[in-house]
Full PDB file with SEQRES, HELIX, SHEET, SSBOND, CRYST1, ORIGX, SCALE, CONECT and MASTER records, all heavy atoms in Angstrom:
SEQRES   1 A   34  ILE VAL LEU LEU ASN LYS LEU ASP LEU GLY ASP ASP GLY          
SEQRES   2 A   34  ALA ARG GLU PHE LYS ARG SER SER GLN ALA ASN GLY ALA          
SEQRES   3 A   34  LEU ALA GLY SER VAL ARG ASP ALA                              
HELIX    1 AA1 ASP A   12  LYS A   18  1                                   7    
SHEET    1 AA1 2 LEU A   3  LEU A   4  0                                        
SHEET    2 AA1 2 LEU A  27  ALA A  28  1                                        
CRYST1    1.000    1.000    1.000  90.00  90.00  90.00 P 1           1          
ORIGX1      1.000000  0.000000  0.000000        0.00000                         
ORIGX2      0.000000  1.000000  0.000000        0.00000                         
ORIGX3      0.000000  0.000000  1.000000        0.00000                         
SCALE1      1.000000  0.000000  0.000000        0.00000                         
SCALE2      0.000000  1.000000  0.000000        0.00000                         
SCALE3      0.000000  0.000000  1.000000        0.00000                         
ATOM      1  N   ILE A   1       6.829   3.188  -5.806  1.00  0.00           N  
ATOM      2  CA  ILE A   1       7.023   2.505  -4.538  1.00  0.00           C  
ATOM      3  C   ILE A   1       8.497   2.663  -4.185  1.00  0.00           C  
ATOM      4  O   ILE A   1       9.363   2.368  -5.020  1.00  0.00           O  
ATOM      5  CB  ILE A   1       6.672   1.006  -4.639  1.00  0.00           C  
ATOM      6  CG1 ILE A   1       5.196   0.817  -5.013  1.00  0.00           C  
ATOM      7  CG2 ILE A   1       6.995   0.268  -3.343  1.00  0.00           C  
ATOM      8  CD1 ILE A   1       4.845  -0.605  -5.405  1.00  0.00           C  
ATOM      9  N   VAL A   2       8.796   3.141  -2.994  1.00  0.00           N  
ATOM     10  CA  VAL A   2      10.177   3.239  -2.529  1.00  0.00           C  
ATOM     11  C   VAL A   2      10.433   2.084  -1.568  1.00  0.00           C  
ATOM     12  O   VAL A   2       9.736   1.938  -0.557  1.00  0.00           O  
ATOM     13  CB  VAL A   2      10.455   4.581  -1.840  1.00  0.00           C  
ATOM     14  CG1 VAL A   2      11.882   4.608  -1.279  1.00  0.00           C  
ATOM     15  CG2 VAL A   2      10.248   5.734  -2.814  1.00  0.00           C  
ATOM     16  N   LEU A   3      11.410   1.257  -1.892  1.00  0.00           N  
ATOM     17  CA  LEU A   3      11.788   0.129  -1.048  1.00  0.00           C  
ATOM     18  C   LEU A   3      13.186   0.380  -0.491  1.00  0.00           C  
ATOM     19  O   LEU A   3      14.167   0.461  -1.235  1.00  0.00           O  
ATOM     20  CB  LEU A   3      11.783  -1.179  -1.838  1.00  0.00           C  
ATOM     21  CG  LEU A   3      12.342  -2.401  -1.094  1.00  0.00           C  
ATOM     22  CD1 LEU A   3      11.515  -2.703   0.155  1.00  0.00           C  
ATOM     23  CD2 LEU A   3      12.381  -3.621  -2.017  1.00  0.00           C  
ATOM     24  N   LEU A   4      13.273   0.531   0.824  1.00  0.00           N  
ATOM     25  CA  LEU A   4      14.556   0.645   1.510  1.00  0.00           C  
ATOM     26  C   LEU A   4      15.020  -0.770   1.827  1.00  0.00           C  
ATOM     27  O   LEU A   4      14.516  -1.417   2.747  1.00  0.00           O  
ATOM     28  CB  LEU A   4      14.394   1.479   2.785  1.00  0.00           C  
ATOM     29  CG  LEU A   4      13.887   2.905   2.541  1.00  0.00           C  
ATOM     30  CD1 LEU A   4      13.445   3.559   3.836  1.00  0.00           C  
ATOM     31  CD2 LEU A   4      14.957   3.741   1.852  1.00  0.00           C  
ATOM     32  N   ASN A   5      15.957  -1.237   1.036  1.00  0.00           N  
ATOM     33  CA  ASN A   5      16.365  -2.644   1.051  1.00  0.00           C  
ATOM     34  C   ASN A   5      17.584  -2.853   1.962  1.00  0.00           C  
ATOM     35  O   ASN A   5      18.206  -1.908   2.431  1.00  0.00           O  
ATOM     36  CB  ASN A   5      16.678  -3.064  -0.394  1.00  0.00           C  
ATOM     37  CG  ASN A   5      16.899  -4.548  -0.530  1.00  0.00           C  
ATOM     38  OD1 ASN A   5      16.323  -5.350   0.216  1.00  0.00           O  
ATOM     39  ND2 ASN A   5      17.736  -4.936  -1.473  1.00  0.00           N  
ATOM     40  N   LYS A   6      17.888  -4.113   2.184  1.00  0.00           N  
ATOM     41  CA  LYS A   6      19.099  -4.561   2.908  1.00  0.00           C  
ATOM     42  C   LYS A   6      19.107  -4.175   4.383  1.00  0.00           C  
ATOM     43  O   LYS A   6      20.171  -3.975   4.980  1.00  0.00           O  
ATOM     44  CB  LYS A   6      20.365  -4.042   2.226  1.00  0.00           C  
ATOM     45  CG  LYS A   6      20.534  -4.545   0.788  1.00  0.00           C  
ATOM     46  CD  LYS A   6      21.897  -4.187   0.234  1.00  0.00           C  
ATOM     47  CE  LYS A   6      22.081  -4.746  -1.170  1.00  0.00           C  
ATOM     48  NZ  LYS A   6      23.440  -4.496  -1.706  1.00  0.00           N  
ATOM     49  N   LEU A   7      17.922  -4.056   4.980  1.00  0.00           N  
ATOM     50  CA  LEU A   7      17.890  -3.710   6.392  1.00  0.00           C  
ATOM     51  C   LEU A   7      18.380  -4.849   7.280  1.00  0.00           C  
ATOM     52  O   LEU A   7      18.575  -4.647   8.486  1.00  0.00           O  
ATOM     53  CB  LEU A   7      16.478  -3.276   6.811  1.00  0.00           C  
ATOM     54  CG  LEU A   7      16.273  -1.741   6.814  1.00  0.00           C  
ATOM     55  CD1 LEU A   7      16.425  -1.176   5.420  1.00  0.00           C  
ATOM     56  CD2 LEU A   7      14.939  -1.375   7.417  1.00  0.00           C  
ATOM     57  N   ASP A   8      18.593  -6.034   6.685  1.00  0.00           N  
ATOM     58  CA  ASP A   8      19.212  -7.117   7.446  1.00  0.00           C  
ATOM     59  C   ASP A   8      20.696  -6.839   7.679  1.00  0.00           C  
ATOM     60  O   ASP A   8      21.337  -7.500   8.508  1.00  0.00           O  
ATOM     61  CB  ASP A   8      19.029  -8.448   6.722  1.00  0.00           C  
ATOM     62  CG  ASP A   8      19.480  -8.396   5.263  1.00  0.00           C  
ATOM     63  OD1 ASP A   8      19.369  -7.319   4.644  1.00  0.00           O  
ATOM     64  OD2 ASP A   8      19.928  -9.440   4.735  1.00  0.00           O  
ATOM     65  N   LEU A   9      21.256  -5.835   6.963  1.00  0.00           N  
ATOM     66  CA  LEU A   9      22.671  -5.496   7.094  1.00  0.00           C  
ATOM     67  C   LEU A   9      22.899  -4.190   7.852  1.00  0.00           C  
ATOM     68  O   LEU A   9      24.041  -3.812   8.123  1.00  0.00           O  
ATOM     69  CB  LEU A   9      23.318  -5.378   5.704  1.00  0.00           C  
ATOM     70  CG  LEU A   9      23.213  -6.615   4.806  1.00  0.00           C  
ATOM     71  CD1 LEU A   9      23.845  -6.335   3.446  1.00  0.00           C  
ATOM     72  CD2 LEU A   9      23.864  -7.821   5.471  1.00  0.00           C  
ATOM     73  N   GLY A  10      21.840  -3.465   8.175  1.00  0.00           N  
ATOM     74  CA  GLY A  10      21.956  -2.177   8.854  1.00  0.00           C  
ATOM     75  C   GLY A  10      20.817  -1.272   8.462  1.00  0.00           C  
ATOM     76  O   GLY A  10      20.001  -1.618   7.591  1.00  0.00           O  
ATOM     77  N   ASP A  11      20.726  -0.089   9.081  1.00  0.00           N  
ATOM     78  CA  ASP A  11      19.595   0.801   8.786  1.00  0.00           C  
ATOM     79  C   ASP A  11      19.978   2.268   8.727  1.00  0.00           C  
ATOM     80  O   ASP A  11      19.136   3.159   8.893  1.00  0.00           O  
ATOM     81  CB  ASP A  11      18.483   0.592   9.805  1.00  0.00           C  
ATOM     82  CG  ASP A  11      18.883   0.997  11.216  1.00  0.00           C  
ATOM     83  OD1 ASP A  11      20.076   1.278  11.436  1.00  0.00           O  
ATOM     84  OD2 ASP A  11      18.002   1.022  12.093  1.00  0.00           O  
ATOM     85  N   ASP A  12      21.254   2.579   8.477  1.00  0.00           N  
ATOM     86  CA  ASP A  12      21.681   3.989   8.435  1.00  0.00           C  
ATOM     87  C   ASP A  12      20.914   4.773   7.368  1.00  0.00           C  
ATOM     88  O   ASP A  12      20.426   5.886   7.617  1.00  0.00           O  
ATOM     89  CB  ASP A  12      23.183   4.078   8.149  1.00  0.00           C  
ATOM     90  CG  ASP A  12      24.028   3.632   9.332  1.00  0.00           C  
ATOM     91  OD1 ASP A  12      23.443   3.447  10.420  1.00  0.00           O  
ATOM     92  OD2 ASP A  12      25.248   3.462   9.160  1.00  0.00           O  
ATOM     93  N   GLY A  13      20.820   4.211   6.166  1.00  0.00           N  
ATOM     94  CA  GLY A  13      20.110   4.901   5.083  1.00  0.00           C  
ATOM     95  C   GLY A  13      18.628   5.008   5.351  1.00  0.00           C  
ATOM     96  O   GLY A  13      17.988   6.025   5.032  1.00  0.00           O  
ATOM     97  N   ALA A  14      18.028   3.967   5.945  1.00  0.00           N  
ATOM     98  CA  ALA A  14      16.593   3.994   6.234  1.00  0.00           C  
ATOM     99  C   ALA A  14      16.265   5.089   7.242  1.00  0.00           C  
ATOM    100  O   ALA A  14      15.277   5.825   7.082  1.00  0.00           O  
ATOM    101  CB  ALA A  14      16.149   2.634   6.759  1.00  0.00           C  
ATOM    102  N   ARG A  15      17.082   5.218   8.297  1.00  0.00           N  
ATOM    103  CA  ARG A  15      16.834   6.267   9.292  1.00  0.00           C  
ATOM    104  C   ARG A  15      17.015   7.652   8.678  1.00  0.00           C  
ATOM    105  O   ARG A  15      16.256   8.578   8.974  1.00  0.00           O  
ATOM    106  CB  ARG A  15      17.761   6.068  10.495  1.00  0.00           C  
ATOM    107  CG  ARG A  15      17.337   4.890  11.368  1.00  0.00           C  
ATOM    108  CD  ARG A  15      18.102   4.800  12.679  1.00  0.00           C  
ATOM    109  NE  ARG A  15      19.464   4.317  12.456  1.00  0.00           N  
ATOM    110  CZ  ARG A  15      20.552   5.057  12.572  1.00  0.00           C  
ATOM    111  NH1 ARG A  15      20.454   6.343  12.878  1.00  0.00           N  
ATOM    112  NH2 ARG A  15      21.751   4.538  12.368  1.00  0.00           N  
ATOM    113  N   GLU A  16      18.003   7.785   7.793  1.00  0.00           N  
ATOM    114  CA  GLU A  16      18.200   9.072   7.115  1.00  0.00           C  
ATOM    115  C   GLU A  16      17.006   9.418   6.239  1.00  0.00           C  
ATOM    116  O   GLU A  16      16.529  10.562   6.215  1.00  0.00           O  
ATOM    117  CB  GLU A  16      19.484   9.017   6.280  1.00  0.00           C  
ATOM    118  CG  GLU A  16      19.784  10.291   5.505  1.00  0.00           C  
ATOM    119  CD  GLU A  16      21.014  10.148   4.611  1.00  0.00           C  
ATOM    120  OE1 GLU A  16      21.805   9.196   4.812  1.00  0.00           O  
ATOM    121  OE2 GLU A  16      21.165  10.983   3.698  1.00  0.00           O  
ATOM    122  N   PHE A  17      16.501   8.423   5.497  1.00  0.00           N  
ATOM    123  CA  PHE A  17      15.366   8.668   4.597  1.00  0.00           C  
ATOM    124  C   PHE A  17      14.120   9.053   5.399  1.00  0.00           C  
ATOM    125  O   PHE A  17      13.360   9.927   4.984  1.00  0.00           O  
ATOM    126  CB  PHE A  17      15.093   7.426   3.757  1.00  0.00           C  
ATOM    127  CG  PHE A  17      13.960   7.585   2.780  1.00  0.00           C  
ATOM    128  CD1 PHE A  17      14.137   8.249   1.576  1.00  0.00           C  
ATOM    129  CD2 PHE A  17      12.698   7.101   3.071  1.00  0.00           C  
ATOM    130  CE1 PHE A  17      13.102   8.407   0.676  1.00  0.00           C  
ATOM    131  CE2 PHE A  17      11.647   7.251   2.179  1.00  0.00           C  
ATOM    132  CZ  PHE A  17      11.850   7.913   0.978  1.00  0.00           C  
ATOM    133  N   LYS A  18      13.911   8.415   6.541  1.00  0.00           N  
ATOM    134  CA  LYS A  18      12.714   8.694   7.332  1.00  0.00           C  
ATOM    135  C   LYS A  18      12.703  10.115   7.866  1.00  0.00           C  
ATOM    136  O   LYS A  18      11.639  10.647   8.213  1.00  0.00           O  
ATOM    137  CB  LYS A  18      12.601   7.690   8.466  1.00  0.00           C  
ATOM    138  CG  LYS A  18      12.228   6.285   7.991  1.00  0.00           C  
ATOM    139  CD  LYS A  18      12.168   5.287   9.136  1.00  0.00           C  
ATOM    140  CE  LYS A  18      11.804   3.894   8.614  1.00  0.00           C  
ATOM    141  NZ  LYS A  18      11.779   2.877   9.697  1.00  0.00           N  
ATOM    142  N   ARG A  19      13.861  10.735   7.947  1.00  0.00           N  
ATOM    143  CA  ARG A  19      13.918  12.133   8.395  1.00  0.00           C  
ATOM    144  C   ARG A  19      13.678  13.117   7.244  1.00  0.00           C  
ATOM    145  O   ARG A  19      13.561  14.320   7.467  1.00  0.00           O  
ATOM    146  CB  ARG A  19      15.275  12.419   9.031  1.00  0.00           C  
ATOM    147  CG  ARG A  19      15.528  11.664  10.325  1.00  0.00           C  
ATOM    148  CD  ARG A  19      16.741  12.218  11.054  1.00  0.00           C  
ATOM    149  NE  ARG A  19      17.974  12.059  10.294  1.00  0.00           N  
ATOM    150  CZ  ARG A  19      18.780  10.998  10.397  1.00  0.00           C  
ATOM    151  NH1 ARG A  19      18.478  10.012  11.238  1.00  0.00           N  
ATOM    152  NH2 ARG A  19      19.892  10.926   9.677  1.00  0.00           N  
ATOM    153  N   SER A  20      13.596  12.599   5.994  1.00  0.00           N  
ATOM    154  CA  SER A  20      13.441  13.463   4.824  1.00  0.00           C  
ATOM    155  C   SER A  20      11.980  13.774   4.559  1.00  0.00           C  
ATOM    156  O   SER A  20      11.078  13.182   5.146  1.00  0.00           O  
ATOM    157  CB  SER A  20      14.056  12.799   3.587  1.00  0.00           C  
ATOM    158  OG  SER A  20      13.229  11.729   3.144  1.00  0.00           O  
ATOM    159  N   SER A  21      11.765  14.714   3.632  1.00  0.00           N  
ATOM    160  CA  SER A  21      10.389  15.112   3.282  1.00  0.00           C  
ATOM    161  C   SER A  21       9.680  14.071   2.432  1.00  0.00           C  
ATOM    162  O   SER A  21       8.476  14.161   2.211  1.00  0.00           O  
ATOM    163  CB  SER A  21      10.421  16.450   2.535  1.00  0.00           C  
ATOM    164  OG  SER A  21      11.190  16.326   1.342  1.00  0.00           O  
ATOM    165  N   GLN A  22      10.407  13.062   1.918  1.00  0.00           N  
ATOM    166  CA  GLN A  22       9.805  12.051   1.037  1.00  0.00           C  
ATOM    167  C   GLN A  22       9.490  10.750   1.775  1.00  0.00           C  
ATOM    168  O   GLN A  22       9.208   9.734   1.157  1.00  0.00           O  
ATOM    169  CB  GLN A  22      10.766  11.737  -0.116  1.00  0.00           C  
ATOM    170  CG  GLN A  22      11.147  12.936  -0.955  1.00  0.00           C  
ATOM    171  CD  GLN A  22      11.998  12.533  -2.141  1.00  0.00           C  
ATOM    172  OE1 GLN A  22      11.608  11.710  -2.962  1.00  0.00           O  
ATOM    173  NE2 GLN A  22      13.189  13.093  -2.232  1.00  0.00           N  
ATOM    174  N   ALA A  23       9.539  10.777   3.099  1.00  0.00           N  
ATOM    175  CA  ALA A  23       9.501   9.538   3.865  1.00  0.00           C  
ATOM    176  C   ALA A  23       8.155   8.829   3.839  1.00  0.00           C  
ATOM    177  O   ALA A  23       8.079   7.629   4.097  1.00  0.00           O  
ATOM    178  CB  ALA A  23       9.905   9.816   5.308  1.00  0.00           C  
ATOM    179  N   ASN A  24       7.068   9.521   3.548  1.00  0.00           N  
ATOM    180  CA  ASN A  24       5.747   8.906   3.621  1.00  0.00           C  
ATOM    181  C   ASN A  24       5.610   7.727   2.658  1.00  0.00           C  
ATOM    182  O   ASN A  24       5.908   7.839   1.468  1.00  0.00           O  
ATOM    183  CB  ASN A  24       4.656   9.939   3.299  1.00  0.00           C  
ATOM    184  CG  ASN A  24       4.539  10.988   4.388  1.00  0.00           C  
ATOM    185  OD1 ASN A  24       4.949  10.743   5.521  1.00  0.00           O  
ATOM    186  ND2 ASN A  24       3.984  12.142   4.049  1.00  0.00           N  
ATOM    187  N   GLY A  25       5.123   6.606   3.198  1.00  0.00           N  
ATOM    188  CA  GLY A  25       4.751   5.480   2.349  1.00  0.00           C  
ATOM    189  C   GLY A  25       5.868   4.568   1.921  1.00  0.00           C  
ATOM    190  O   GLY A  25       5.628   3.615   1.175  1.00  0.00           O  
ATOM    191  N   ALA A  26       7.095   4.796   2.362  1.00  0.00           N  
ATOM    192  CA  ALA A  26       8.185   3.919   1.948  1.00  0.00           C  
ATOM    193  C   ALA A  26       8.088   2.573   2.654  1.00  0.00           C  
ATOM    194  O   ALA A  26       7.622   2.481   3.795  1.00  0.00           O  
ATOM    195  CB  ALA A  26       9.528   4.580   2.256  1.00  0.00           C  
ATOM    196  N   LEU A  27       8.543   1.533   1.958  1.00  0.00           N  
ATOM    197  CA  LEU A  27       8.621   0.199   2.537  1.00  0.00           C  
ATOM    198  C   LEU A  27      10.052  -0.050   2.973  1.00  0.00           C  
ATOM    199  O   LEU A  27      10.998   0.422   2.326  1.00  0.00           O  
ATOM    200  CB  LEU A  27       8.199  -0.859   1.525  1.00  0.00           C  
ATOM    201  CG  LEU A  27       6.804  -0.705   0.904  1.00  0.00           C  
ATOM    202  CD1 LEU A  27       6.583  -1.789  -0.138  1.00  0.00           C  
ATOM    203  CD2 LEU A  27       5.727  -0.754   1.970  1.00  0.00           C  
ATOM    204  N   ALA A  28      10.243  -0.800   4.046  1.00  0.00           N  
ATOM    205  CA  ALA A  28      11.582  -1.087   4.547  1.00  0.00           C  
ATOM    206  C   ALA A  28      11.688  -2.568   4.844  1.00  0.00           C  
ATOM    207  O   ALA A  28      10.741  -3.181   5.359  1.00  0.00           O  
ATOM    208  CB  ALA A  28      11.867  -0.270   5.805  1.00  0.00           C  
ATOM    209  N   GLY A  29      12.826  -3.163   4.510  1.00  0.00           N  
ATOM    210  CA  GLY A  29      13.026  -4.581   4.770  1.00  0.00           C  
ATOM    211  C   GLY A  29      14.159  -5.118   3.932  1.00  0.00           C  
ATOM    212  O   GLY A  29      15.144  -4.421   3.668  1.00  0.00           O  
ATOM    213  N   SER A  30      13.994  -6.357   3.485  1.00  0.00           N  
ATOM    214  CA  SER A  30      15.015  -7.015   2.665  1.00  0.00           C  
ATOM    215  C   SER A  30      14.328  -7.892   1.639  1.00  0.00           C  
ATOM    216  O   SER A  30      13.364  -8.603   1.959  1.00  0.00           O  
ATOM    217  CB  SER A  30      15.933  -7.870   3.543  1.00  0.00           C  
ATOM    218  OG  SER A  30      16.767  -8.694   2.738  1.00  0.00           O  
ATOM    219  N   VAL A  31      14.831  -7.842   0.393  1.00  0.00           N  
ATOM    220  CA  VAL A  31      14.239  -8.670  -0.649  1.00  0.00           C  
ATOM    221  C   VAL A  31      14.477 -10.155  -0.385  1.00  0.00           C  
ATOM    222  O   VAL A  31      13.872 -11.011  -1.041  1.00  0.00           O  
ATOM    223  CB  VAL A  31      14.776  -8.289  -2.045  1.00  0.00           C  
ATOM    224  CG1 VAL A  31      14.349  -6.885  -2.411  1.00  0.00           C  
ATOM    225  CG2 VAL A  31      16.281  -8.448  -2.111  1.00  0.00           C  
ATOM    226  N   ARG A  32      15.332 -10.468   0.583  1.00  0.00           N  
ATOM    227  CA  ARG A  32      15.531 -11.864   0.966  1.00  0.00           C  
ATOM    228  C   ARG A  32      14.443 -12.347   1.923  1.00  0.00           C  
ATOM    229  O   ARG A  32      14.367 -13.542   2.218  1.00  0.00           O  
ATOM    230  CB  ARG A  32      16.902 -12.030   1.625  1.00  0.00           C  
ATOM    231  CG  ARG A  32      18.076 -11.701   0.704  1.00  0.00           C  
ATOM    232  CD  ARG A  32      19.392 -11.824   1.436  1.00  0.00           C  
ATOM    233  NE  ARG A  32      20.524 -11.527   0.562  1.00  0.00           N  
ATOM    234  CZ  ARG A  32      21.785 -11.529   0.959  1.00  0.00           C  
ATOM    235  NH1 ARG A  32      22.086 -11.825   2.219  1.00  0.00           N  
ATOM    236  NH2 ARG A  32      22.753 -11.239   0.108  1.00  0.00           N  
ATOM    237  N   ASP A  33      13.645 -11.427   2.421  1.00  0.00           N  
ATOM    238  CA  ASP A  33      12.601 -11.723   3.397  1.00  0.00           C  
ATOM    239  C   ASP A  33      11.247 -11.804   2.682  1.00  0.00           C  
ATOM    240  O   ASP A  33      10.835 -10.854   2.013  1.00  0.00           O  
ATOM    241  CB  ASP A  33      12.586 -10.621   4.459  1.00  0.00           C  
ATOM    242  CG  ASP A  33      11.535 -10.860   5.538  1.00  0.00           C  
ATOM    243  OD1 ASP A  33      10.930 -11.948   5.557  1.00  0.00           O  
ATOM    244  OD2 ASP A  33      11.320  -9.941   6.356  1.00  0.00           O  
ATOM    245  N   ALA A  34      10.558 -12.920   2.835  1.00  0.00           N  
ATOM    246  CA  ALA A  34       9.267 -13.100   2.156  1.00  0.00           C  
ATOM    247  C   ALA A  34       8.264 -12.042   2.575  1.00  0.00           C  
ATOM    248  O   ALA A  34       7.420 -11.621   1.763  1.00  0.00           O  
ATOM    249  CB  ALA A  34       8.716 -14.499   2.445  1.00  0.00           C  
TER     250      ALA A  34                                                      
MASTER        0    0    0    1    2    0    0    6  249    1    0    3          
END                                                                             
């Protein structure tokens, strides 16, 4: 499971990852968020 964390602080890494070949199925958000 790939979790793109800390999106409450920004999303530069998440947008970069989504453009990659491994982007399918990743989760995005923050571990502080239920």
